[in-house]
Protein backbone atom coordinates (compact mmCIF):
# COMPACT_ATOMS: atom_id res chain seq x y z
CA MET A 1 -21.90 -32.10 5.99
CA ASN A 2 -22.04 -28.79 7.53
CA ALA A 3 -25.16 -27.90 9.47
CA PRO A 4 -26.91 -24.83 8.14
CA THR A 5 -26.94 -21.91 10.24
CA PRO A 6 -30.16 -20.15 11.38
CA VAL A 7 -30.91 -17.15 9.63
CA ARG A 8 -30.71 -14.20 12.22
CA GLY A 9 -32.24 -10.61 12.27
CA PRO A 10 -29.94 -7.70 12.71
CA HIS A 11 -27.64 -7.52 15.40
CA ALA A 12 -26.90 -4.86 17.68
CA ARG A 13 -23.44 -4.74 16.06
CA ASP A 14 -24.68 -3.96 12.81
CA ALA A 15 -26.44 -1.21 13.89
CA ALA A 16 -23.55 0.33 15.86
CA ARG A 17 -21.57 -0.35 12.53
CA ALA A 18 -24.22 1.71 10.51
CA ASP A 19 -23.97 4.64 13.17
CA TRP A 20 -19.97 4.37 13.03
CA ILE A 21 -20.12 4.82 9.24
CA ASP A 22 -22.61 7.65 9.46
CA GLU A 23 -20.38 9.46 11.85
CA ARG A 24 -17.53 9.12 9.87
CA ARG A 25 -19.30 10.32 6.57
CA ARG A 26 -20.48 13.14 8.41
CA GLU A 27 -16.67 13.97 9.41
CA ALA A 28 -15.77 13.42 6.00
CA ARG A 29 -18.26 16.09 4.58
CA ALA A 30 -17.21 18.65 7.03
CA VAL A 31 -13.59 18.00 6.13
CA LEU A 32 -14.27 18.35 2.52
CA ALA A 33 -16.69 21.50 3.19
CA ASP A 34 -13.54 23.30 4.31
CA VAL A 35 -10.75 21.58 2.30
CA VAL A 36 -8.67 24.60 2.30
CA HIS A 37 -7.93 24.45 6.07
CA HIS A 38 -7.19 20.69 6.18
CA SER A 39 -4.03 18.88 4.75
CA ASP A 40 -3.94 16.74 1.77
CA HIS A 41 -3.32 13.79 4.02
CA LEU A 42 -6.98 14.35 5.81
CA VAL A 43 -8.44 15.26 2.51
CA ARG A 44 -7.34 12.24 0.92
CA LEU A 45 -8.89 10.35 3.67
CA ALA A 46 -12.40 12.01 3.79
CA CYS A 47 -12.23 11.16 -0.17
CA ASN A 48 -11.42 7.42 0.60
CA MET A 49 -14.19 7.74 2.83
CA LEU A 50 -16.78 8.93 0.71
CA VAL A 51 -15.89 6.89 -2.60
CA GLN A 52 -16.58 3.71 -0.48
CA HIS A 53 -19.30 4.81 1.52
CA GLY A 54 -20.94 7.87 -0.09
CA GLU A 55 -24.87 8.16 -0.27
CA THR A 56 -25.30 8.95 -3.52
CA GLU A 57 -23.27 8.14 -6.94
CA GLN A 58 -22.53 11.72 -7.40
CA GLU A 59 -20.84 12.01 -3.89
CA CYS A 60 -18.72 9.22 -4.83
CA GLU A 61 -17.91 10.60 -7.97
CA ASP A 62 -17.12 14.03 -6.89
CA ALA A 63 -14.96 12.68 -4.12
CA ARG A 64 -13.06 10.19 -6.59
CA ILE A 65 -12.52 13.67 -8.70
CA LEU A 66 -11.17 15.44 -5.56
CA LEU A 67 -8.78 12.75 -5.45
CA VAL A 68 -7.25 12.90 -8.85
CA VAL A 69 -7.00 16.78 -8.23
CA ILE A 70 -5.38 16.21 -4.80
CA ASP A 71 -2.66 13.67 -6.41
CA ALA A 72 -1.89 16.20 -9.27
CA ARG A 73 -1.39 18.94 -7.08
CA GLN A 74 0.98 16.85 -4.98
CA SER A 75 2.93 15.77 -8.27
CA ALA A 76 3.43 19.35 -9.04
CA ARG A 77 4.59 20.18 -5.48
CA SER A 78 7.17 17.49 -5.76
CA VAL A 79 8.52 18.80 -9.18
CA GLN A 80 8.68 22.10 -7.81
CA ARG A 81 11.07 21.08 -4.89
CA ARG A 82 12.97 18.94 -7.01
CA ASP A 83 13.41 22.22 -9.16
CA GLN A 84 14.41 24.14 -6.11
CA ASP A 85 16.95 21.74 -5.03
CA GLY A 86 18.87 22.00 -8.10
CA ARG A 87 17.99 18.09 -9.11
CA GLY A 88 15.53 19.06 -12.02
CA ALA A 89 15.85 18.00 -15.61
CA GLN A 90 18.77 19.36 -17.53
């Protein structure tokens, strides 16, 4: 039989993790505030961060919607490239 583990209060690592998440959240918001000047990859990372760790449900939902827009734009670019290369549907 396993011995019960004592209940402990918050550890320093929990506070450090919370600080780390807060800093990443601030960075993600900064990227999304200036989305035109950042790569799709970086925008996608910022959106994923806010989907998982956003403070409000609205913030999470807005990040999800932006992910859909980025994916749709990426698909349109790949179709354009195929058409320009002469590999489009015939």
